[in-house]
N, C-alpha and C. Protein backbone atom coordinates (compact mmCIF):
# COMPACT_ATOMS: atom_id res chain seq x y z
N MET A 1 101.58 103.73 97.80
CA MET A 1 101.53 103.36 96.39
C MET A 1 102.87 102.76 95.98
N TYR A 2 102.80 101.84 95.06
CA TYR A 2 104.00 101.25 94.47
C TYR A 2 103.74 101.10 92.98
N LEU A 3 104.57 101.70 92.17
CA LEU A 3 104.42 101.69 90.71
C LEU A 3 103.01 102.06 90.27
N GLY A 4 102.44 103.06 90.93
CA GLY A 4 101.13 103.56 90.56
C GLY A 4 99.95 102.78 91.10
N HIS A 5 100.19 101.78 91.93
CA HIS A 5 99.12 100.96 92.50
C HIS A 5 99.03 101.21 94.00
N ILE A 6 97.81 101.40 94.48
CA ILE A 6 97.61 101.54 95.93
C ILE A 6 97.80 100.18 96.57
N VAL A 7 98.71 100.11 97.54
CA VAL A 7 98.98 98.84 98.21
C VAL A 7 98.42 98.79 99.62
N GLU A 8 98.13 99.98 100.20
CA GLU A 8 97.62 99.99 101.57
C GLU A 8 96.89 101.30 101.84
N ILE A 9 95.76 101.19 102.52
CA ILE A 9 94.98 102.36 102.93
C ILE A 9 94.64 102.19 104.41
N ALA A 10 94.98 103.20 105.19
CA ALA A 10 94.64 103.22 106.62
C ALA A 10 94.92 104.61 107.15
N SER A 11 94.55 104.85 108.38
CA SER A 11 94.87 106.13 109.00
C SER A 11 96.39 106.24 109.16
N ASP A 12 96.88 107.45 109.31
CA ASP A 12 98.33 107.62 109.46
C ASP A 12 98.84 106.87 110.69
N LYS A 13 98.11 106.91 111.78
CA LYS A 13 98.53 106.19 112.99
C LYS A 13 98.60 104.69 112.73
N GLU A 14 97.58 104.15 112.08
CA GLU A 14 97.54 102.71 111.79
C GLU A 14 98.68 102.31 110.85
N ILE A 15 98.96 103.13 109.85
CA ILE A 15 100.06 102.83 108.91
C ILE A 15 101.40 102.79 109.64
N TYR A 16 101.66 103.79 110.50
CA TYR A 16 102.94 103.85 111.20
C TYR A 16 103.09 102.77 112.26
N GLU A 17 102.01 102.45 112.95
CA GLU A 17 102.09 101.49 114.04
C GLU A 17 101.85 100.04 113.62
N ASN A 18 101.16 99.85 112.49
CA ASN A 18 100.77 98.50 112.11
C ASN A 18 100.76 98.32 110.59
N PRO A 19 101.89 98.58 109.92
CA PRO A 19 101.90 98.41 108.46
C PRO A 19 101.69 96.94 108.11
N LYS A 20 100.85 96.69 107.10
CA LYS A 20 100.52 95.32 106.74
C LYS A 20 100.93 94.92 105.33
N HIS A 21 101.44 95.85 104.54
CA HIS A 21 101.97 95.50 103.22
C HIS A 21 103.49 95.49 103.34
N PRO A 22 104.17 94.53 102.71
CA PRO A 22 105.63 94.47 102.84
C PRO A 22 106.35 95.74 102.37
N TYR A 23 105.82 96.41 101.36
CA TYR A 23 106.45 97.65 100.90
C TYR A 23 106.28 98.75 101.94
N THR A 24 105.08 98.88 102.49
CA THR A 24 104.84 99.87 103.53
C THR A 24 105.71 99.60 104.74
N LYS A 25 105.81 98.33 105.12
CA LYS A 25 106.62 97.96 106.29
C LYS A 25 108.08 98.32 106.05
N ALA A 26 108.58 98.09 104.84
CA ALA A 26 109.97 98.45 104.52
C ALA A 26 110.16 99.96 104.57
N LEU A 27 109.20 100.71 104.03
CA LEU A 27 109.30 102.17 104.08
C LEU A 27 109.32 102.67 105.52
N ILE A 28 108.42 102.18 106.34
CA ILE A 28 108.35 102.60 107.74
C ILE A 28 109.64 102.22 108.47
N SER A 29 110.21 101.08 108.16
CA SER A 29 111.45 100.65 108.84
C SER A 29 112.63 101.54 108.48
N SER A 30 112.53 102.29 107.40
CA SER A 30 113.65 103.16 106.98
C SER A 30 113.62 104.53 107.65
N ILE A 31 112.58 104.83 108.42
CA ILE A 31 112.48 106.13 109.10
C ILE A 31 113.44 106.12 110.29
N PRO A 32 114.40 107.07 110.34
CA PRO A 32 115.31 107.13 111.48
C PRO A 32 114.55 107.44 112.78
N GLN A 33 114.96 106.76 113.85
CA GLN A 33 114.36 106.99 115.16
C GLN A 33 115.48 107.12 116.19
N ILE A 34 115.50 108.22 116.91
CA ILE A 34 116.55 108.49 117.88
C ILE A 34 116.58 107.44 118.98
N ASP A 35 115.42 107.00 119.44
CA ASP A 35 115.36 106.05 120.54
C ASP A 35 115.65 104.60 120.14
N LYS A 36 115.83 104.36 118.84
CA LYS A 36 116.12 103.00 118.37
C LYS A 36 117.30 103.06 117.40
N LEU A 37 118.49 103.35 117.93
CA LEU A 37 119.66 103.52 117.07
C LEU A 37 120.04 102.24 116.34
N ASN A 38 119.80 101.10 116.95
CA ASN A 38 120.17 99.82 116.34
C ASN A 38 118.97 99.13 115.69
N LYS A 39 117.99 99.91 115.31
CA LYS A 39 116.77 99.36 114.71
C LYS A 39 117.10 98.60 113.42
N ASN A 40 116.50 97.43 113.28
CA ASN A 40 116.68 96.66 112.05
C ASN A 40 115.83 97.26 110.95
N ARG A 41 116.46 97.48 109.82
CA ARG A 41 115.73 97.98 108.66
C ARG A 41 115.50 96.82 107.69
N ILE A 42 114.40 96.89 106.99
CA ILE A 42 114.12 95.90 105.96
C ILE A 42 114.78 96.41 104.69
N ILE A 43 115.78 95.70 104.23
CA ILE A 43 116.50 96.07 103.01
C ILE A 43 115.87 95.31 101.85
N LEU A 44 115.30 96.06 100.93
CA LEU A 44 114.67 95.44 99.77
C LEU A 44 115.73 95.07 98.74
N LYS A 45 115.66 93.84 98.29
CA LYS A 45 116.59 93.35 97.27
C LYS A 45 115.79 93.05 96.02
N GLY A 46 116.46 92.62 95.00
CA GLY A 46 115.76 92.25 93.78
C GLY A 46 115.76 93.37 92.77
N GLU A 47 115.12 93.08 91.67
CA GLU A 47 115.10 94.00 90.53
C GLU A 47 114.00 95.04 90.68
N LEU A 48 114.37 96.31 90.50
CA LEU A 48 113.40 97.39 90.50
C LEU A 48 112.71 97.41 89.15
N PRO A 49 111.41 97.13 89.09
CA PRO A 49 110.71 97.05 87.81
C PRO A 49 110.59 98.41 87.12
N SER A 50 110.43 98.35 85.83
CA SER A 50 110.22 99.56 85.04
C SER A 50 108.78 100.04 85.23
N PRO A 51 108.60 101.32 85.57
CA PRO A 51 107.24 101.84 85.70
C PRO A 51 106.47 101.83 84.37
N SER A 52 107.19 101.91 83.26
CA SER A 52 106.52 101.90 81.96
C SER A 52 106.21 100.49 81.47
N ASN A 53 106.83 99.50 82.10
CA ASN A 53 106.60 98.10 81.73
C ASN A 53 106.60 97.25 83.01
N PRO A 54 105.60 97.44 83.88
CA PRO A 54 105.59 96.71 85.15
C PRO A 54 105.40 95.22 84.94
N PRO A 55 105.85 94.42 85.91
CA PRO A 55 105.70 92.97 85.78
C PRO A 55 104.24 92.55 85.90
N GLN A 56 103.96 91.35 85.41
CA GLN A 56 102.64 90.75 85.58
C GLN A 56 102.43 90.44 87.05
N GLY A 57 101.21 90.44 87.49
CA GLY A 57 100.90 90.11 88.88
C GLY A 57 101.10 91.31 89.78
N CYS A 58 101.50 91.05 90.99
CA CYS A 58 101.76 92.12 91.94
C CYS A 58 103.00 92.89 91.49
N PRO A 59 102.92 94.21 91.35
CA PRO A 59 104.07 94.96 90.87
C PRO A 59 105.26 94.92 91.83
N PHE A 60 105.03 94.57 93.09
CA PHE A 60 106.10 94.54 94.09
C PHE A 60 106.78 93.17 94.18
N HIS A 61 106.30 92.16 93.48
CA HIS A 61 106.81 90.80 93.70
C HIS A 61 108.31 90.65 93.39
N THR A 62 108.88 91.48 92.53
CA THR A 62 110.30 91.33 92.20
C THR A 62 111.21 91.76 93.35
N ARG A 63 110.67 92.48 94.32
CA ARG A 63 111.46 92.97 95.45
C ARG A 63 110.91 92.49 96.79
N CYS A 64 109.81 91.81 96.77
CA CYS A 64 109.11 91.43 98.00
C CYS A 64 109.78 90.23 98.69
N PRO A 65 110.11 90.36 99.98
CA PRO A 65 110.75 89.25 100.69
C PRO A 65 109.83 88.08 100.99
N ILE A 66 108.52 88.24 100.82
CA ILE A 66 107.60 87.13 101.10
C ILE A 66 106.81 86.69 99.86
N ALA A 67 107.22 87.13 98.68
CA ALA A 67 106.49 86.80 97.45
C ALA A 67 106.49 85.29 97.18
N GLN A 68 105.37 84.82 96.67
CA GLN A 68 105.20 83.42 96.27
C GLN A 68 104.78 83.40 94.80
N ASP A 69 104.60 82.22 94.23
CA ASP A 69 104.22 82.10 92.82
C ASP A 69 102.93 82.86 92.48
N MET A 70 101.96 82.85 93.38
CA MET A 70 100.71 83.54 93.12
C MET A 70 100.94 85.04 92.86
N CYS A 71 101.92 85.62 93.52
CA CYS A 71 102.21 87.05 93.37
C CYS A 71 102.70 87.37 91.96
N LYS A 72 103.34 86.41 91.32
CA LYS A 72 103.85 86.62 89.96
C LYS A 72 102.73 86.52 88.92
N LYS A 73 101.64 85.87 89.28
CA LYS A 73 100.57 85.59 88.32
C LYS A 73 99.36 86.51 88.46
N SER A 74 99.04 86.92 89.67
CA SER A 74 97.80 87.67 89.91
C SER A 74 98.06 88.96 90.67
N MET A 75 97.25 89.96 90.37
CA MET A 75 97.30 91.23 91.07
C MET A 75 96.40 91.16 92.29
N PRO A 76 96.94 91.32 93.49
CA PRO A 76 96.07 91.28 94.68
C PRO A 76 95.17 92.51 94.73
N GLU A 77 93.95 92.32 95.16
CA GLU A 77 93.01 93.42 95.32
C GLU A 77 93.07 93.94 96.74
N LEU A 78 92.69 95.20 96.92
CA LEU A 78 92.61 95.75 98.27
C LEU A 78 91.54 94.98 99.04
N LYS A 79 91.90 94.50 100.23
CA LYS A 79 90.96 93.77 101.07
C LYS A 79 90.92 94.44 102.43
N ASP A 80 89.72 94.53 102.98
CA ASP A 80 89.54 95.11 104.30
C ASP A 80 90.01 94.11 105.35
N ILE A 81 90.93 94.53 106.21
CA ILE A 81 91.42 93.64 107.26
C ILE A 81 90.98 94.13 108.64
N GLY A 82 90.05 95.07 108.66
CA GLY A 82 89.52 95.60 109.91
C GLY A 82 90.15 96.93 110.28
N ASN A 83 89.51 97.63 111.20
CA ASN A 83 90.01 98.91 111.70
C ASN A 83 90.19 99.92 110.57
N GLU A 84 89.29 99.86 109.58
CA GLU A 84 89.35 100.74 108.40
C GLU A 84 90.72 100.67 107.71
N HIS A 85 91.25 99.48 107.63
CA HIS A 85 92.57 99.20 107.07
C HIS A 85 92.40 98.25 105.88
N GLN A 86 92.93 98.66 104.74
CA GLN A 86 92.86 97.83 103.54
C GLN A 86 94.26 97.56 103.02
N VAL A 87 94.49 96.35 102.54
CA VAL A 87 95.81 95.95 102.06
C VAL A 87 95.66 95.12 100.79
N ALA A 88 96.55 95.36 99.83
CA ALA A 88 96.60 94.57 98.60
C ALA A 88 97.79 93.62 98.68
N CYS A 89 97.60 92.51 99.36
CA CYS A 89 98.67 91.51 99.51
C CYS A 89 98.01 90.16 99.79
N PHE A 90 98.50 89.12 99.11
CA PHE A 90 97.98 87.77 99.33
C PHE A 90 98.44 87.19 100.66
N TYR A 91 99.55 87.69 101.20
CA TYR A 91 100.18 87.08 102.36
C TYR A 91 100.32 88.06 103.52
N VAL A 92 99.24 88.78 103.80
CA VAL A 92 99.23 89.76 104.89
C VAL A 92 99.66 89.12 106.21
N ASP A 93 99.28 87.87 106.44
CA ASP A 93 99.61 87.20 107.70
C ASP A 93 101.11 86.97 107.88
N LYS A 94 101.91 87.04 106.81
CA LYS A 94 103.35 86.83 106.91
C LYS A 94 104.14 88.13 107.07
N VAL A 95 103.49 89.26 106.87
CA VAL A 95 104.19 90.55 106.93
C VAL A 95 104.74 90.80 108.33
N GLY A 96 104.04 90.38 109.35
CA GLY A 96 104.51 90.56 110.72
C GLY A 96 105.81 89.86 111.01
N ASP A 97 106.17 88.86 110.21
CA ASP A 97 107.41 88.12 110.42
C ASP A 97 108.64 88.87 109.90
N LEU A 98 108.43 89.93 109.11
CA LEU A 98 109.56 90.69 108.59
C LEU A 98 110.20 91.49 109.71
N ASN A 99 111.53 91.53 109.73
CA ASN A 99 112.24 92.29 110.76
C ASN A 99 112.02 93.77 110.58
N ASP A 100 111.79 94.45 111.69
CA ASP A 100 111.82 95.91 111.67
C ASP A 100 112.26 96.42 112.98
């Protein structure tokens, strides 16, 4: 969840091994791992929106490294991407390009 909105639904294994929302991917990248001491973390930049006055469109767009104009205008709906995995992101195909 991000600002009260569900951004991704999947099994725990699927979430940890194959996060498809940029926020989920950033969260997973922040988990310390002993076997990966030099692991790249996704550092979120940008303005943290007010929960009482969230931005129009996708609530994560102010911090999202892959946000486009559509994200500022429209709220993405949860879409099934297979393997009982749902994601609310217009650019799921670009999430894999984020460093982790």
